[in-house]
């Protein structure tokens, strides 16, 4: 079985359906990124070169159709339009990141819950033959590692590759010097955004630690006293309590990753 097939096999039926939706959002985000690159560089040229409008037939026709009095008014209109485009683009990319993280963390919760329920519903002989520490590791750490260090990086890598390809195709047509200016500008914006959200990211990290500790505690209690759990028929109580902290942990992780990946 290939790596992609094994990865796809992790998802439940709902998750497999959502893969197509997430992929569609990624392609849409790549197209918007490429369009943003294709718009900002001509705008810079329009501002810096007064003759640029006359030399570009498409822009000259748009200027004539708008009925604006002067090229300066046209430049202002272009600036407003470009600003609105980037606001909409970043809103879409933010939505894409939210959907990606909700998908990954939702599948993390579903997979760990399925595994936890499967262990609790196995016969008592199974727990005698298997080390509880190994079961604990599988539920609390291995599932987390797979989703955080395999599924999420693969999804991010796919997103970045698609975006890079789209932007590269645009840069083949546009001026390389103007591209460097735009990248520096966007890099400064990204740096300022990062410094403004560090405190929230730190708090979400604390929330992750607290809820992850509670997850492990309830796993230990259930698997360590599996005989009493089976006799009393309290499997679903432990599953429900575990899932509460499991979901809280996933929520804190999701928010932290959303802030880290915001455009």
Protein backbone atom coordinates (compact mmCIF):
# COMPACT_ATOMS: atom_id res chain seq x y z
CA UNK A 1 0.00 0.00 0.00
CA UNK A 2 1.40 3.40 -0.99
CA UNK A 3 2.02 6.26 1.44
CA UNK A 4 -0.91 8.24 0.00
CA UNK A 5 -3.24 5.25 0.36
CA UNK A 6 -2.20 4.65 3.98
CA UNK A 7 -2.67 8.33 4.74
CA UNK A 8 -6.10 8.38 3.12
CA UNK A 9 -7.06 5.26 5.09
CA UNK A 10 -6.71 7.24 8.34
CA UNK A 11 -9.76 9.35 7.57
CA UNK A 12 -13.32 8.36 8.32
CA UNK A 13 -16.01 8.51 5.60
CA UNK A 14 -16.81 12.16 6.31
CA UNK A 15 -13.12 13.08 6.26
CA UNK A 16 -12.60 11.44 2.89
CA UNK A 17 -15.41 13.50 1.41
CA UNK A 18 -13.92 16.69 2.83
CA UNK A 19 -10.52 16.05 1.23
CA UNK A 20 -11.95 17.11 -2.14
CA UNK A 21 -13.41 20.28 -0.64
CA UNK A 22 -10.12 21.18 1.04
CA UNK A 23 -8.22 20.55 -2.21
CA UNK A 24 -10.62 22.84 -4.08
CA UNK A 25 -10.01 25.62 -1.55
CA UNK A 26 -6.26 25.16 -1.94
CA UNK A 27 -6.49 25.53 -5.71
CA UNK A 28 -8.68 28.62 -5.30
CA UNK A 29 -6.19 30.11 -2.84
CA UNK A 30 -3.32 29.48 -5.26
CA UNK A 31 -5.20 31.25 -8.06
CA UNK A 32 -5.85 34.26 -5.79
CA UNK A 33 -2.20 34.38 -4.74
CA UNK A 34 -1.11 34.33 -8.36
CA UNK A 35 -3.67 37.00 -9.25
CA UNK A 36 -2.45 39.16 -6.36
CA UNK A 37 1.09 38.92 -7.67
CA UNK A 38 -0.12 39.75 -11.17
CA UNK A 39 -1.99 42.84 -9.97
CA UNK A 40 0.42 44.45 -7.53
CA UNK A 41 3.40 44.66 -9.86
CA UNK A 42 1.58 46.56 -12.65
CA UNK A 43 0.11 48.83 -9.98
CA UNK A 44 3.60 49.70 -8.75
CA UNK A 45 4.63 50.43 -12.33
CA UNK A 46 1.52 52.60 -12.79
CA UNK A 47 2.45 54.68 -9.75
CA UNK A 48 6.14 55.03 -10.59
CA UNK A 49 5.87 55.61 -14.34
CA UNK A 50 3.40 58.29 -15.59
CA UNK A 51 3.68 56.93 -19.15
CA UNK A 52 2.83 53.36 -18.13
CA UNK A 53 -0.89 53.94 -18.61
CA UNK A 54 -0.43 55.10 -22.19
CA UNK A 55 1.81 52.16 -23.05
CA UNK A 56 -0.58 49.49 -21.77
CA UNK A 57 -3.53 49.02 -24.11
CA UNK A 58 -5.68 47.12 -21.60
CA UNK A 59 -5.21 49.70 -18.84
CA UNK A 60 -5.77 52.55 -21.29
CA UNK A 61 -9.07 51.02 -22.42
CA UNK A 62 -10.19 50.51 -18.79
CA UNK A 63 -9.27 54.14 -18.03
CA UNK A 64 -11.35 55.34 -20.95
CA UNK A 65 -14.33 53.15 -20.00
CA UNK A 66 -14.36 54.37 -16.38
CA UNK A 67 -14.70 58.00 -17.47
CA UNK A 68 -12.27 59.25 -14.82
CA UNK A 69 -10.97 62.74 -15.43
CA UNK A 70 -7.23 62.25 -14.91
CA UNK A 71 -4.68 59.41 -14.72
CA UNK A 72 -4.16 60.37 -11.06
CA UNK A 73 -7.82 59.63 -10.33
CA UNK A 74 -7.45 56.32 -12.16
CA UNK A 75 -4.43 55.46 -9.98
CA UNK A 76 -6.43 56.18 -6.83
CA UNK A 77 -9.27 53.99 -8.11
CA UNK A 78 -6.81 51.21 -8.86
CA UNK A 79 -5.35 51.50 -5.34
CA UNK A 80 -8.81 51.18 -3.79
CA UNK A 81 -9.66 48.22 -6.02
CA UNK A 82 -6.35 46.54 -5.21
CA UNK A 83 -6.91 47.05 -1.49
CA UNK A 84 -10.39 45.52 -1.71
CA UNK A 85 -8.99 42.58 -3.68
CA UNK A 86 -6.34 41.86 -1.06
CA UNK A 87 -8.88 42.13 1.75
CA UNK A 88 -11.07 39.58 -0.02
CA UNK A 89 -8.09 37.39 -0.88
CA UNK A 90 -6.84 37.30 2.70
CA UNK A 91 -10.35 36.60 3.94
CA UNK A 92 -10.54 33.63 1.58
CA UNK A 93 -7.07 32.38 2.59
CA UNK A 94 -8.00 32.73 6.26
CA UNK A 95 -11.12 30.67 5.59
CA UNK A 96 -8.98 28.09 3.79
CA UNK A 97 -6.61 27.82 6.77
CA UNK A 98 -9.54 27.51 9.19
CA UNK A 99 -11.06 24.73 7.08
CA UNK A 100 -7.71 22.94 6.77
CA UNK A 101 -7.07 23.02 10.51
CA UNK A 102 -10.66 22.08 11.35
CA UNK A 103 -10.35 19.14 8.99
CA UNK A 104 -7.05 17.89 10.43
CA UNK A 105 -7.98 18.41 14.08
CA UNK A 106 -11.44 16.99 13.53
CA UNK A 107 -9.92 13.85 12.05
CA UNK A 108 -7.41 13.72 14.92
CA UNK A 109 -10.29 13.70 17.41
CA UNK A 110 -12.22 11.10 15.40
CA UNK A 111 -9.22 8.77 14.98
CA UNK A 112 -8.12 8.90 18.62
CA UNK A 113 -11.70 8.43 19.80
CA UNK A 114 -12.18 5.41 17.51
CA UNK A 115 -8.95 3.89 18.76
CA UNK A 116 -9.83 4.58 22.39
CA UNK A 117 -13.29 3.03 22.03
CA UNK A 118 -11.81 0.04 20.18
CA UNK A 119 -9.38 -0.64 23.04
CA UNK A 120 -12.10 -0.34 25.69
CA UNK A 121 -14.40 -2.68 23.79
CA UNK A 122 -11.79 -5.40 23.34
CA UNK A 123 -12.09 -8.45 25.61
CA UNK A 124 -10.34 -8.41 28.96
CA UNK A 125 -7.86 -11.01 27.66
CA UNK A 126 -6.62 -8.44 25.12
CA UNK A 127 -5.61 -6.06 27.93
CA UNK A 128 -3.83 -8.82 29.82
CA UNK A 129 -1.75 -9.62 26.74
CA UNK A 130 -0.93 -5.98 25.84
CA UNK A 131 1.02 -3.41 27.82
CA UNK A 132 -1.25 -0.55 28.89
CA UNK A 133 1.63 1.90 28.35
CA UNK A 134 1.77 0.91 24.68
CA UNK A 135 -1.96 1.43 24.32
CA UNK A 136 -1.64 4.79 26.06
CA UNK A 137 1.16 5.82 23.71
CA UNK A 138 -0.88 4.82 20.67
CA UNK A 139 -3.93 6.84 21.72
CA UNK A 140 -2.36 9.97 23.17
CA UNK A 141 0.94 10.38 21.34
CA UNK A 142 1.07 8.33 18.15
CA UNK A 143 -2.20 9.64 16.73
CA UNK A 144 -1.14 13.19 17.58
CA UNK A 145 2.28 12.72 15.99
CA UNK A 146 0.78 11.28 12.81
CA UNK A 147 -1.61 14.19 12.32
CA UNK A 148 0.69 16.99 13.48
CA UNK A 149 3.91 15.73 11.88
CA UNK A 150 2.63 13.87 8.83
CA UNK A 151 -0.89 14.85 7.79
CA UNK A 152 -0.60 18.58 8.51
CA UNK A 153 2.87 19.00 6.92
CA UNK A 154 1.71 17.09 3.83
CA UNK A 155 -1.32 19.36 3.55
CA UNK A 156 0.81 22.49 4.04
CA UNK A 157 3.40 21.24 1.55
CA UNK A 158 0.70 20.59 -1.04
CA UNK A 159 -0.70 24.08 -0.49
CA UNK A 160 2.69 25.76 -0.79
CA UNK A 161 3.67 23.79 -3.89
CA UNK A 162 0.45 24.74 -5.67
CA UNK A 163 0.86 28.40 -4.66
CA UNK A 164 4.52 28.51 -5.72
CA UNK A 165 3.71 27.01 -9.10
CA UNK A 166 0.92 29.50 -9.68
CA UNK A 167 3.05 32.48 -8.66
CA UNK A 168 6.01 31.21 -10.68
CA UNK A 169 3.87 31.13 -13.82
CA UNK A 170 2.86 34.74 -13.20
CA UNK A 171 6.44 35.85 -12.51
CA UNK A 172 7.51 34.43 -15.86
CA UNK A 173 5.46 37.21 -17.37
CA UNK A 174 6.06 40.04 -14.89
CA UNK A 175 9.13 42.07 -13.94
CA UNK A 176 11.48 40.27 -11.50
CA UNK A 177 12.55 43.56 -9.83
CA UNK A 178 8.99 44.54 -9.00
CA UNK A 179 8.45 41.02 -7.66
CA UNK A 180 11.27 41.50 -5.14
CA UNK A 181 9.69 44.76 -3.94
CA UNK A 182 6.30 43.14 -3.42
CA UNK A 183 7.79 40.16 -1.56
CA UNK A 184 9.66 42.51 0.78
CA UNK A 185 6.46 44.47 1.43
CA UNK A 186 4.42 41.36 2.20
CA UNK A 187 7.25 40.01 4.36
CA UNK A 188 7.17 43.16 6.50
CA UNK A 189 3.40 42.81 6.93
CA UNK A 190 3.75 39.16 7.92
CA UNK A 191 6.45 39.99 10.48
CA UNK A 192 4.30 42.68 12.08
CA UNK A 193 1.35 40.29 12.25
CA UNK A 194 3.48 37.61 13.92
CA UNK A 195 4.69 39.92 16.69
CA UNK A 196 1.10 40.98 17.37
CA UNK A 197 -0.16 37.41 17.98
CA UNK A 198 2.71 35.86 19.96
CA UNK A 199 0.90 36.19 23.31
CA UNK A 200 -2.20 34.40 22.05
CA UNK A 201 -0.11 31.61 20.58
CA UNK A 202 1.62 31.17 23.96
CA UNK A 203 -1.73 30.93 25.75
CA UNK A 204 -3.00 28.36 23.29
CA UNK A 205 0.18 26.38 23.94
CA UNK A 206 -0.60 26.35 27.67
CA UNK A 207 -4.15 25.19 26.92
CA UNK A 208 -2.74 22.37 24.81
CA UNK A 209 -0.50 21.20 27.65
CA UNK A 210 -3.28 21.26 30.27
CA UNK A 211 -5.83 19.43 28.16
CA UNK A 212 -3.29 16.93 26.87
CA UNK A 213 -2.40 16.10 30.47
CA UNK A 214 -6.08 15.51 31.28
CA UNK A 215 -6.43 13.29 28.23
CA UNK A 216 -3.58 11.08 29.39
CA UNK A 217 -4.93 10.98 32.96
CA UNK A 218 -8.33 9.67 31.85
CA UNK A 219 -6.72 7.15 29.53
CA UNK A 220 -4.59 5.88 32.42
CA UNK A 221 -7.59 5.64 34.72
CA UNK A 222 -9.63 3.64 32.22
CA UNK A 223 -6.93 1.30 30.97
CA UNK A 224 -5.33 0.94 34.41
CA UNK A 225 -8.66 -0.14 35.90
CA UNK A 226 -10.05 -1.85 32.82
CA UNK A 227 -11.45 -4.74 34.87
CA UNK A 228 -13.63 -2.42 36.96
CA UNK A 229 -14.62 -0.48 33.85
CA UNK A 230 -15.75 -3.65 32.07
CA UNK A 231 -17.61 -5.00 35.11
CA UNK A 232 -19.43 -1.72 35.77
CA UNK A 233 -20.16 -1.10 32.07
CA UNK A 234 -18.75 2.44 32.24
CA UNK A 235 -16.95 2.42 28.89
CA UNK A 236 -19.00 5.24 27.40
CA UNK A 237 -18.53 7.42 30.50
CA UNK A 238 -14.76 7.26 30.08
CA UNK A 239 -15.04 7.78 26.32
CA UNK A 240 -17.24 10.86 26.86
CA UNK A 241 -14.93 12.41 29.49
CA UNK A 242 -11.86 11.67 27.41
CA UNK A 243 -13.48 13.19 24.34
CA UNK A 244 -14.24 16.42 26.28
CA UNK A 245 -10.54 17.05 26.99
CA UNK A 246 -9.59 15.61 23.61
CA UNK A 247 -11.80 18.13 21.83
CA UNK A 248 -10.55 21.00 24.02
CA UNK A 249 -6.97 20.03 23.20
CA UNK A 250 -7.76 19.90 19.48
CA UNK A 251 -9.49 23.30 19.67
CA UNK A 252 -6.46 24.95 21.31
CA UNK A 253 -4.15 23.30 18.77
CA UNK A 254 -6.35 24.40 15.90
CA UNK A 255 -6.43 28.04 17.05
CA UNK A 256 -2.66 28.09 17.52
CA UNK A 257 -2.08 26.69 14.04
CA UNK A 258 -4.59 29.09 12.48
CA UNK A 259 -2.71 32.06 13.96
CA UNK A 260 0.63 30.59 12.87
CA UNK A 261 -0.55 30.11 9.29
CA UNK A 262 -2.56 33.28 8.79
CA UNK A 263 -1.61 35.04 5.52
